[in-house]
Amino acid sequence: SGGLQKEAYWYRVPCVTMRPSTEW
């Protein structure tokens, strides 16, 4: 999720993105 990647940052929780690319 693109939105959840940003939310993770604001929560200060590390994120692992299961995609080859990200808009963030």
mmCIF file of all heavy atoms, coordinates in Angstrom:
data_MODEL
# 
_entry.id   MODEL 
# 
loop_
_atom_site.group_PDB 
_atom_site.id 
_atom_site.type_symbol 
_atom_site.label_atom_id 
_atom_site.label_alt_id 
_atom_site.label_comp_id 
_atom_site.label_asym_id 
_atom_site.label_entity_id 
_atom_site.label_seq_id 
_atom_site.pdbx_PDB_ins_code 
_atom_site.Cartn_x 
_atom_site.Cartn_y 
_atom_site.Cartn_z 
_atom_site.occupancy 
_atom_site.B_iso_or_equiv 
_atom_site.pdbx_formal_charge 
_atom_site.auth_seq_id 
_atom_site.auth_comp_id 
_atom_site.auth_asym_id 
_atom_site.auth_atom_id 
_atom_site.pdbx_PDB_model_num 
ATOM 1   N N   . SER A 1 1  ? 0.819  -1.206 0.000  1.00 0.00 ? 1  SER A N   1 
ATOM 2   C CA  . SER A 1 1  ? 0.000  0.000  0.000  1.00 0.00 ? 1  SER A CA  1 
ATOM 3   C C   . SER A 1 1  ? 0.854  1.258  0.000  1.00 0.00 ? 1  SER A C   1 
ATOM 4   O O   . SER A 1 1  ? 1.724  1.421  0.855  1.00 0.00 ? 1  SER A O   1 
ATOM 5   C CB  . SER A 1 1  ? -0.892 0.002  1.246  1.00 0.00 ? 1  SER A CB  1 
ATOM 6   O OG  . SER A 1 1  ? -1.483 1.279  1.441  1.00 0.00 ? 1  SER A OG  1 
ATOM 7   N N   . GLY A 1 2  ? 0.575  2.147  -0.924 1.00 0.00 ? 2  GLY A N   1 
ATOM 8   C CA  . GLY A 1 2  ? 1.281  3.420  -0.942 1.00 0.00 ? 2  GLY A CA  1 
ATOM 9   C C   . GLY A 1 2  ? 0.978  4.253  0.292  1.00 0.00 ? 2  GLY A C   1 
ATOM 10  O O   . GLY A 1 2  ? 1.870  4.800  0.935  1.00 0.00 ? 2  GLY A O   1 
ATOM 11  N N   . GLY A 1 3  ? -0.294 4.342  0.651  1.00 0.00 ? 3  GLY A N   1 
ATOM 12  C CA  . GLY A 1 3  ? -0.670 5.136  1.818  1.00 0.00 ? 3  GLY A CA  1 
ATOM 13  C C   . GLY A 1 3  ? -0.101 4.601  3.109  1.00 0.00 ? 3  GLY A C   1 
ATOM 14  O O   . GLY A 1 3  ? 0.349  5.368  3.967  1.00 0.00 ? 3  GLY A O   1 
ATOM 15  N N   . LEU A 1 4  ? -0.091 3.290  3.260  1.00 0.00 ? 4  LEU A N   1 
ATOM 16  C CA  . LEU A 1 4  ? 0.419  2.697  4.500  1.00 0.00 ? 4  LEU A CA  1 
ATOM 17  C C   . LEU A 1 4  ? 1.927  2.894  4.636  1.00 0.00 ? 4  LEU A C   1 
ATOM 18  O O   . LEU A 1 4  ? 2.442  2.988  5.757  1.00 0.00 ? 4  LEU A O   1 
ATOM 19  C CB  . LEU A 1 4  ? 0.051  1.216  4.577  1.00 0.00 ? 4  LEU A CB  1 
ATOM 20  C CG  . LEU A 1 4  ? 0.326  0.506  5.899  1.00 0.00 ? 4  LEU A CG  1 
ATOM 21  C CD1 . LEU A 1 4  ? -0.220 1.266  7.098  1.00 0.00 ? 4  LEU A CD1 1 
ATOM 22  C CD2 . LEU A 1 4  ? -0.230 -0.909 5.843  1.00 0.00 ? 4  LEU A CD2 1 
ATOM 23  N N   . GLN A 1 5  ? 2.643  3.011  3.535  1.00 0.00 ? 5  GLN A N   1 
ATOM 24  C CA  . GLN A 1 5  ? 4.079  3.314  3.621  1.00 0.00 ? 5  GLN A CA  1 
ATOM 25  C C   . GLN A 1 5  ? 4.282  4.664  4.307  1.00 0.00 ? 5  GLN A C   1 
ATOM 26  O O   . GLN A 1 5  ? 5.168  4.807  5.159  1.00 0.00 ? 5  GLN A O   1 
ATOM 27  C CB  . GLN A 1 5  ? 4.702  3.359  2.229  1.00 0.00 ? 5  GLN A CB  1 
ATOM 28  C CG  . GLN A 1 5  ? 4.771  2.030  1.530  1.00 0.00 ? 5  GLN A CG  1 
ATOM 29  C CD  . GLN A 1 5  ? 5.243  2.195  0.109  1.00 0.00 ? 5  GLN A CD  1 
ATOM 30  O OE1 . GLN A 1 5  ? 6.334  2.713  -0.127 1.00 0.00 ? 5  GLN A OE1 1 
ATOM 31  N NE2 . GLN A 1 5  ? 4.436  1.775  -0.842 1.00 0.00 ? 5  GLN A NE2 1 
ATOM 32  N N   . LYS A 1 6  ? 3.465  5.650  3.945  1.00 0.00 ? 6  LYS A N   1 
ATOM 33  C CA  . LYS A 1 6  ? 3.556  6.963  4.582  1.00 0.00 ? 6  LYS A CA  1 
ATOM 34  C C   . LYS A 1 6  ? 3.125  6.900  6.044  1.00 0.00 ? 6  LYS A C   1 
ATOM 35  O O   . LYS A 1 6  ? 3.766  7.477  6.916  1.00 0.00 ? 6  LYS A O   1 
ATOM 36  C CB  . LYS A 1 6  ? 2.682  7.969  3.830  1.00 0.00 ? 6  LYS A CB  1 
ATOM 37  C CG  . LYS A 1 6  ? 3.229  8.375  2.483  1.00 0.00 ? 6  LYS A CG  1 
ATOM 38  C CD  . LYS A 1 6  ? 2.271  9.240  1.709  1.00 0.00 ? 6  LYS A CD  1 
ATOM 39  C CE  . LYS A 1 6  ? 1.910  10.523 2.389  1.00 0.00 ? 6  LYS A CE  1 
ATOM 40  N NZ  . LYS A 1 6  ? 1.006  11.385 1.602  1.00 0.00 ? 6  LYS A NZ  1 
ATOM 41  N N   . GLU A 1 7  ? 2.023  6.192  6.314  1.00 0.00 ? 7  GLU A N   1 
ATOM 42  C CA  . GLU A 1 7  ? 1.560  6.076  7.691  1.00 0.00 ? 7  GLU A CA  1 
ATOM 43  C C   . GLU A 1 7  ? 2.621  5.415  8.563  1.00 0.00 ? 7  GLU A C   1 
ATOM 44  O O   . GLU A 1 7  ? 2.846  5.851  9.700  1.00 0.00 ? 7  GLU A O   1 
ATOM 45  C CB  . GLU A 1 7  ? 0.252  5.285  7.742  1.00 0.00 ? 7  GLU A CB  1 
ATOM 46  C CG  . GLU A 1 7  ? -0.916 6.054  7.174  1.00 0.00 ? 7  GLU A CG  1 
ATOM 47  C CD  . GLU A 1 7  ? -2.180 5.223  7.063  1.00 0.00 ? 7  GLU A CD  1 
ATOM 48  O OE1 . GLU A 1 7  ? -2.079 4.016  6.778  1.00 0.00 ? 7  GLU A OE1 1 
ATOM 49  O OE2 . GLU A 1 7  ? -3.260 5.791  7.258  1.00 0.00 ? 7  GLU A OE2 1 
ATOM 50  N N   . ALA A 1 8  ? 3.270  4.392  8.045  1.00 0.00 ? 8  ALA A N   1 
ATOM 51  C CA  . ALA A 1 8  ? 4.336  3.731  8.808  1.00 0.00 ? 8  ALA A CA  1 
ATOM 52  C C   . ALA A 1 8  ? 5.400  4.748  9.217  1.00 0.00 ? 8  ALA A C   1 
ATOM 53  O O   . ALA A 1 8  ? 5.886  4.736  10.350 1.00 0.00 ? 8  ALA A O   1 
ATOM 54  C CB  . ALA A 1 8  ? 4.946  2.588  7.993  1.00 0.00 ? 8  ALA A CB  1 
ATOM 55  N N   . TYR A 1 9  ? 5.777  5.621  8.298  1.00 0.00 ? 9  TYR A N   1 
ATOM 56  C CA  . TYR A 1 9  ? 6.783  6.646  8.591  1.00 0.00 ? 9  TYR A CA  1 
ATOM 57  C C   . TYR A 1 9  ? 6.298  7.540  9.731  1.00 0.00 ? 9  TYR A C   1 
ATOM 58  O O   . TYR A 1 9  ? 7.039  7.822  10.672 1.00 0.00 ? 9  TYR A O   1 
ATOM 59  C CB  . TYR A 1 9  ? 7.066  7.462  7.340  1.00 0.00 ? 9  TYR A CB  1 
ATOM 60  C CG  . TYR A 1 9  ? 8.258  8.375  7.453  1.00 0.00 ? 9  TYR A CG  1 
ATOM 61  C CD1 . TYR A 1 9  ? 9.507  7.956  7.022  1.00 0.00 ? 9  TYR A CD1 1 
ATOM 62  C CD2 . TYR A 1 9  ? 8.146  9.655  7.979  1.00 0.00 ? 9  TYR A CD2 1 
ATOM 63  C CE1 . TYR A 1 9  ? 10.616 8.790  7.113  1.00 0.00 ? 9  TYR A CE1 1 
ATOM 64  C CE2 . TYR A 1 9  ? 9.239  10.495 8.079  1.00 0.00 ? 9  TYR A CE2 1 
ATOM 65  C CZ  . TYR A 1 9  ? 10.470 10.061 7.643  1.00 0.00 ? 9  TYR A CZ  1 
ATOM 66  O OH  . TYR A 1 9  ? 11.566 10.877 7.733  1.00 0.00 ? 9  TYR A OH  1 
ATOM 67  N N   . TRP A 1 10 ? 5.053  7.985  9.662  1.00 0.00 ? 10 TRP A N   1 
ATOM 68  C CA  . TRP A 1 10 ? 4.527  8.855  10.714 1.00 0.00 ? 10 TRP A CA  1 
ATOM 69  C C   . TRP A 1 10 ? 4.373  8.112  12.032 1.00 0.00 ? 10 TRP A C   1 
ATOM 70  O O   . TRP A 1 10 ? 4.508  8.715  13.101 1.00 0.00 ? 10 TRP A O   1 
ATOM 71  C CB  . TRP A 1 10 ? 3.200  9.469  10.278 1.00 0.00 ? 10 TRP A CB  1 
ATOM 72  C CG  . TRP A 1 10 ? 3.355  10.411 9.123  1.00 0.00 ? 10 TRP A CG  1 
ATOM 73  C CD1 . TRP A 1 10 ? 4.349  11.340 8.949  1.00 0.00 ? 10 TRP A CD1 1 
ATOM 74  C CD2 . TRP A 1 10 ? 2.526  10.506 7.979  1.00 0.00 ? 10 TRP A CD2 1 
ATOM 75  N NE1 . TRP A 1 10 ? 4.172  12.004 7.767  1.00 0.00 ? 10 TRP A NE1 1 
ATOM 76  C CE2 . TRP A 1 10 ? 3.051  11.517 7.146  1.00 0.00 ? 10 TRP A CE2 1 
ATOM 77  C CE3 . TRP A 1 10 ? 1.381  9.843  7.559  1.00 0.00 ? 10 TRP A CE3 1 
ATOM 78  C CZ2 . TRP A 1 10 ? 2.478  11.878 5.944  1.00 0.00 ? 10 TRP A CZ2 1 
ATOM 79  C CZ3 . TRP A 1 10 ? 0.803  10.214 6.355  1.00 0.00 ? 10 TRP A CZ3 1 
ATOM 80  C CH2 . TRP A 1 10 ? 1.343  11.213 5.561  1.00 0.00 ? 10 TRP A CH2 1 
ATOM 81  N N   . TYR A 1 11 ? 4.083  6.807  11.988 1.00 0.00 ? 11 TYR A N   1 
ATOM 82  C CA  . TYR A 1 11 ? 4.008  6.004  13.211 1.00 0.00 ? 11 TYR A CA  1 
ATOM 83  C C   . TYR A 1 11 ? 5.397  5.692  13.759 1.00 0.00 ? 11 TYR A C   1 
ATOM 84  O O   . TYR A 1 11 ? 5.519  5.189  14.870 1.00 0.00 ? 11 TYR A O   1 
ATOM 85  C CB  . TYR A 1 11 ? 3.326  4.659  12.939 1.00 0.00 ? 11 TYR A CB  1 
ATOM 86  C CG  . TYR A 1 11 ? 1.874  4.694  12.554 1.00 0.00 ? 11 TYR A CG  1 
ATOM 87  C CD1 . TYR A 1 11 ? 1.383  3.769  11.637 1.00 0.00 ? 11 TYR A CD1 1 
ATOM 88  C CD2 . TYR A 1 11 ? 0.976  5.603  13.110 1.00 0.00 ? 11 TYR A CD2 1 
ATOM 89  C CE1 . TYR A 1 11 ? 0.047  3.748  11.284 1.00 0.00 ? 11 TYR A CE1 1 
ATOM 90  C CE2 . TYR A 1 11 ? -0.352 5.592  12.752 1.00 0.00 ? 11 TYR A CE2 1 
ATOM 91  C CZ  . TYR A 1 11 ? -0.820 4.666  11.844 1.00 0.00 ? 11 TYR A CZ  1 
ATOM 92  O OH  . TYR A 1 11 ? -2.146 4.636  11.493 1.00 0.00 ? 11 TYR A OH  1 
ATOM 93  N N   . ARG A 1 12 ? 6.431  5.899  12.958 1.00 0.00 ? 12 ARG A N   1 
ATOM 94  C CA  . ARG A 1 12 ? 7.809  5.548  13.298 1.00 0.00 ? 12 ARG A CA  1 
ATOM 95  C C   . ARG A 1 12 ? 7.967  4.034  13.424 1.00 0.00 ? 12 ARG A C   1 
ATOM 96  O O   . ARG A 1 12 ? 8.686  3.522  14.278 1.00 0.00 ? 12 ARG A O   1 
ATOM 97  C CB  . ARG A 1 12 ? 8.289  6.289  14.551 1.00 0.00 ? 12 ARG A CB  1 
ATOM 98  C CG  . ARG A 1 12 ? 8.224  7.815  14.394 1.00 0.00 ? 12 ARG A CG  1 
ATOM 99  C CD  . ARG A 1 12 ? 8.872  8.596  15.478 1.00 0.00 ? 12 ARG A CD  1 
ATOM 100 N NE  . ARG A 1 12 ? 10.273 8.304  15.661 1.00 0.00 ? 12 ARG A NE  1 
ATOM 101 C CZ  . ARG A 1 12 ? 11.284 8.734  14.890 1.00 0.00 ? 12 ARG A CZ  1 
ATOM 102 N NH1 . ARG A 1 12 ? 11.029 9.493  13.853 1.00 0.00 ? 12 ARG A NH1 1 
ATOM 103 N NH2 . ARG A 1 12 ? 12.529 8.425  15.180 1.00 0.00 ? 12 ARG A NH2 1 
ATOM 104 N N   . VAL A 1 13 ? 7.286  3.330  12.521 1.00 0.00 ? 13 VAL A N   1 
ATOM 105 C CA  . VAL A 1 13 ? 7.369  1.879  12.420 1.00 0.00 ? 13 VAL A CA  1 
ATOM 106 C C   . VAL A 1 13 ? 8.057  1.566  11.097 1.00 0.00 ? 13 VAL A C   1 
ATOM 107 O O   . VAL A 1 13 ? 7.646  2.078  10.051 1.00 0.00 ? 13 VAL A O   1 
ATOM 108 C CB  . VAL A 1 13 ? 5.962  1.232  12.448 1.00 0.00 ? 13 VAL A CB  1 
ATOM 109 C CG1 . VAL A 1 13 ? 6.026  -0.259 12.167 1.00 0.00 ? 13 VAL A CG1 1 
ATOM 110 C CG2 . VAL A 1 13 ? 5.284  1.501  13.795 1.00 0.00 ? 13 VAL A CG2 1 
ATOM 111 N N   . PRO A 1 14 ? 9.120  0.768  11.092 1.00 0.00 ? 14 PRO A N   1 
ATOM 112 C CA  . PRO A 1 14 ? 9.796  0.462  9.827  1.00 0.00 ? 14 PRO A CA  1 
ATOM 113 C C   . PRO A 1 14 ? 8.854  -0.263 8.864  1.00 0.00 ? 14 PRO A C   1 
ATOM 114 O O   . PRO A 1 14 ? 7.992  -1.032 9.289  1.00 0.00 ? 14 PRO A O   1 
ATOM 115 C CB  . PRO A 1 14 ? 10.973 -0.417 10.233 1.00 0.00 ? 14 PRO A CB  1 
ATOM 116 C CG  . PRO A 1 14 ? 10.640 -0.937 11.584 1.00 0.00 ? 14 PRO A CG  1 
ATOM 117 C CD  . PRO A 1 14 ? 9.710  0.047  12.227 1.00 0.00 ? 14 PRO A CD  1 
ATOM 118 N N   . CYS A 1 15 ? 9.059  0.002  7.585  1.00 0.00 ? 15 CYS A N   1 
ATOM 119 C CA  . CYS A 1 15 ? 8.186  -0.538 6.553  1.00 0.00 ? 15 CYS A CA  1 
ATOM 120 C C   . CYS A 1 15 ? 8.978  -1.400 5.571  1.00 0.00 ? 15 CYS A C   1 
ATOM 121 O O   . CYS A 1 15 ? 10.101 -1.050 5.188  1.00 0.00 ? 15 CYS A O   1 
ATOM 122 C CB  . CYS A 1 15 ? 7.513  0.618  5.809  1.00 0.00 ? 15 CYS A CB  1 
ATOM 123 S SG  . CYS A 1 15 ? 6.258  0.099  4.628  1.00 0.00 ? 15 CYS A SG  1 
ATOM 124 N N   . VAL A 1 16 ? 8.377  -2.504 5.168  1.00 0.00 ? 16 VAL A N   1 
ATOM 125 C CA  . VAL A 1 16 ? 8.907  -3.378 4.125  1.00 0.00 ? 16 VAL A CA  1 
ATOM 126 C C   . VAL A 1 16 ? 7.866  -3.361 3.010  1.00 0.00 ? 16 VAL A C   1 
ATOM 127 O O   . VAL A 1 16 ? 6.722  -3.771 3.227  1.00 0.00 ? 16 VAL A O   1 
ATOM 128 C CB  . VAL A 1 16 ? 9.130  -4.811 4.656  1.00 0.00 ? 16 VAL A CB  1 
ATOM 129 C CG1 . VAL A 1 16 ? 9.515  -5.750 3.531  1.00 0.00 ? 16 VAL A CG1 1 
ATOM 130 C CG2 . VAL A 1 16 ? 10.184 -4.805 5.760  1.00 0.00 ? 16 VAL A CG2 1 
ATOM 131 N N   . THR A 1 17 ? 8.259  -2.859 1.855  1.00 0.00 ? 17 THR A N   1 
ATOM 132 C CA  . THR A 1 17 ? 7.311  -2.712 0.751  1.00 0.00 ? 17 THR A CA  1 
ATOM 133 C C   . THR A 1 17 ? 7.488  -3.837 -0.249 1.00 0.00 ? 17 THR A C   1 
ATOM 134 O O   . THR A 1 17 ? 8.561  -3.992 -0.849 1.00 0.00 ? 17 THR A O   1 
ATOM 135 C CB  . THR A 1 17 ? 7.472  -1.333 0.083  1.00 0.00 ? 17 THR A CB  1 
ATOM 136 O OG1 . THR A 1 17 ? 7.174  -0.330 1.067  1.00 0.00 ? 17 THR A OG1 1 
ATOM 137 C CG2 . THR A 1 17 ? 6.534  -1.174 -1.093 1.00 0.00 ? 17 THR A CG2 1 
ATOM 138 N N   . MET A 1 18 ? 6.404  -4.580 -0.434 1.00 0.00 ? 18 MET A N   1 
ATOM 139 C CA  . MET A 1 18 ? 6.414  -5.753 -1.301 1.00 0.00 ? 18 MET A CA  1 
ATOM 140 C C   . MET A 1 18 ? 5.962  -5.359 -2.705 1.00 0.00 ? 18 MET A C   1 
ATOM 141 O O   . MET A 1 18 ? 4.936  -5.801 -3.211 1.00 0.00 ? 18 MET A O   1 
ATOM 142 C CB  . MET A 1 18 ? 5.538  -6.849 -0.678 1.00 0.00 ? 18 MET A CB  1 
ATOM 143 C CG  . MET A 1 18 ? 6.076  -7.281 0.683  1.00 0.00 ? 18 MET A CG  1 
ATOM 144 S SD  . MET A 1 18 ? 5.058  -8.464 1.589  1.00 0.00 ? 18 MET A SD  1 
ATOM 145 C CE  . MET A 1 18 ? 3.600  -7.498 1.956  1.00 0.00 ? 18 MET A CE  1 
ATOM 146 N N   . ARG A 1 19 ? 6.774  -4.501 -3.301 1.00 0.00 ? 19 ARG A N   1 
ATOM 147 C CA  . ARG A 1 19 ? 6.585  -4.000 -4.665 1.00 0.00 ? 19 ARG A CA  1 
ATOM 148 C C   . ARG A 1 19 ? 7.975  -3.728 -5.228 1.00 0.00 ? 19 ARG A C   1 
ATOM 149 O O   . ARG A 1 19 ? 8.919  -3.527 -4.473 1.00 0.00 ? 19 ARG A O   1 
ATOM 150 C CB  . ARG A 1 19 ? 5.785  -2.692 -4.655 1.00 0.00 ? 19 ARG A CB  1 
ATOM 151 C CG  . ARG A 1 19 ? 4.354  -2.853 -4.244 1.00 0.00 ? 19 ARG A CG  1 
ATOM 152 C CD  . ARG A 1 19 ? 3.635  -1.537 -4.027 1.00 0.00 ? 19 ARG A CD  1 
ATOM 153 N NE  . ARG A 1 19 ? 3.836  -0.549 -5.062 1.00 0.00 ? 19 ARG A NE  1 
ATOM 154 C CZ  . ARG A 1 19 ? 3.552  0.742  -4.912 1.00 0.00 ? 19 ARG A CZ  1 
ATOM 155 N NH1 . ARG A 1 19 ? 3.070  1.202  -3.770 1.00 0.00 ? 19 ARG A NH1 1 
ATOM 156 N NH2 . ARG A 1 19 ? 3.754  1.594  -5.880 1.00 0.00 ? 19 ARG A NH2 1 
ATOM 157 N N   . PRO A 1 20 ? 8.096  -3.651 -6.544 1.00 0.00 ? 20 PRO A N   1 
ATOM 158 C CA  . PRO A 1 20 ? 9.406  -3.348 -7.121 1.00 0.00 ? 20 PRO A CA  1 
ATOM 159 C C   . PRO A 1 20 ? 9.767  -1.863 -7.065 1.00 0.00 ? 20 PRO A C   1 
ATOM 160 O O   . PRO A 1 20 ? 10.923 -1.493 -7.247 1.00 0.00 ? 20 PRO A O   1 
ATOM 161 C CB  . PRO A 1 20 ? 9.278  -3.823 -8.568 1.00 0.00 ? 20 PRO A CB  1 
ATOM 162 C CG  . PRO A 1 20 ? 7.819  -3.750 -8.865 1.00 0.00 ? 20 PRO A CG  1 
ATOM 163 C CD  . PRO A 1 20 ? 7.117  -4.046 -7.562 1.00 0.00 ? 20 PRO A CD  1 
ATOM 164 N N   . SER A 1 21 ? 8.779  -0.995 -6.804 1.00 0.00 ? 21 SER A N   1 
ATOM 165 C CA  . SER A 1 21 ? 9.026  0.442  -6.767 1.00 0.00 ? 21 SER A CA  1 
ATOM 166 C C   . SER A 1 21 ? 8.025  1.095  -5.829 1.00 0.00 ? 21 SER A C   1 
ATOM 167 O O   . SER A 1 21 ? 7.069  0.466  -5.383 1.00 0.00 ? 21 SER A O   1 
ATOM 168 C CB  . SER A 1 21 ? 8.891  1.049  -8.175 1.00 0.00 ? 21 SER A CB  1 
ATOM 169 O OG  . SER A 1 21 ? 7.552  0.877  -8.640 1.00 0.00 ? 21 SER A OG  1 
ATOM 170 N N   . THR A 1 22 ? 8.262  2.367  -5.532 1.00 0.00 ? 22 THR A N   1 
ATOM 171 C CA  . THR A 1 22 ? 7.349  3.115  -4.673 1.00 0.00 ? 22 THR A CA  1 
ATOM 172 C C   . THR A 1 22 ? 7.288  4.561  -5.126 1.00 0.00 ? 22 THR A C   1 
ATOM 173 O O   . THR A 1 22 ? 8.281  5.104  -5.645 1.00 0.00 ? 22 THR A O   1 
ATOM 174 C CB  . THR A 1 22 ? 7.783  3.060  -3.194 1.00 0.00 ? 22 THR A CB  1 
ATOM 175 O OG1 . THR A 1 22 ? 6.832  3.808  -2.420 1.00 0.00 ? 22 THR A OG1 1 
ATOM 176 C CG2 . THR A 1 22 ? 9.175  3.614  -2.966 1.00 0.00 ? 22 THR A CG2 1 
ATOM 177 N N   . GLU A 1 23 ? 6.144  5.168  -4.927 1.00 0.00 ? 23 GLU A N   1 
ATOM 178 C CA  . GLU A 1 23 ? 6.009  6.602  -5.176 1.00 0.00 ? 23 GLU A CA  1 
ATOM 179 C C   . GLU A 1 23 ? 6.552  7.411  -4.014 1.00 0.00 ? 23 GLU A C   1 
ATOM 180 O O   . GLU A 1 23 ? 6.769  8.602  -4.123 1.00 0.00 ? 23 GLU A O   1 
ATOM 181 C CB  . GLU A 1 23 ? 4.550  6.981  -5.472 1.00 0.00 ? 23 GLU A CB  1 
ATOM 182 C CG  . GLU A 1 23 ? 3.521  6.489  -4.491 1.00 0.00 ? 23 GLU A CG  1 
ATOM 183 C CD  . GLU A 1 23 ? 3.134  5.016  -4.684 1.00 0.00 ? 23 GLU A CD  1 
ATOM 184 O OE1 . GLU A 1 23 ? 2.894  4.566  -5.798 1.00 0.00 ? 23 GLU A OE1 1 
ATOM 185 O OE2 . GLU A 1 23 ? 3.084  4.322  -3.660 1.00 0.00 ? 23 GLU A OE2 1 
ATOM 186 N N   . TRP A 1 24 ? 6.832  6.758  -2.885 1.00 0.00 ? 24 TRP A N   1 
ATOM 187 C CA  . TRP A 1 24 ? 7.326  7.443  -1.680 1.00 0.00 ? 24 TRP A CA  1 
ATOM 188 C C   . TRP A 1 24 ? 8.815  7.168  -1.495 1.00 0.00 ? 24 TRP A C   1 
ATOM 189 O O   . TRP A 1 24 ? 9.245  6.641  -0.471 1.00 0.00 ? 24 TRP A O   1 
ATOM 190 C CB  . TRP A 1 24 ? 6.505  7.026  -0.453 1.00 0.00 ? 24 TRP A CB  1 
ATOM 191 C CG  . TRP A 1 24 ? 5.053  7.266  -0.712 1.00 0.00 ? 24 TRP A CG  1 
ATOM 192 C CD1 . TRP A 1 24 ? 4.077  6.321  -0.854 1.00 0.00 ? 24 TRP A CD1 1 
ATOM 193 C CD2 . TRP A 1 24 ? 4.422  8.525  -0.928 1.00 0.00 ? 24 TRP A CD2 1 
ATOM 194 N NE1 . TRP A 1 24 ? 2.883  6.918  -1.136 1.00 0.00 ? 24 TRP A NE1 1 
ATOM 195 C CE2 . TRP A 1 24 ? 3.062  8.269  -1.188 1.00 0.00 ? 24 TRP A CE2 1 
ATOM 196 C CE3 . TRP A 1 24 ? 4.879  9.843  -0.940 1.00 0.00 ? 24 TRP A CE3 1 
ATOM 197 C CZ2 . TRP A 1 24 ? 2.145  9.291  -1.450 1.00 0.00 ? 24 TRP A CZ2 1 
ATOM 198 C CZ3 . TRP A 1 24 ? 3.964  10.856 -1.206 1.00 0.00 ? 24 TRP A CZ3 1 
ATOM 199 C CH2 . TRP A 1 24 ? 2.629  10.567 -1.454 1.00 0.00 ? 24 TRP A CH2 1 
# 
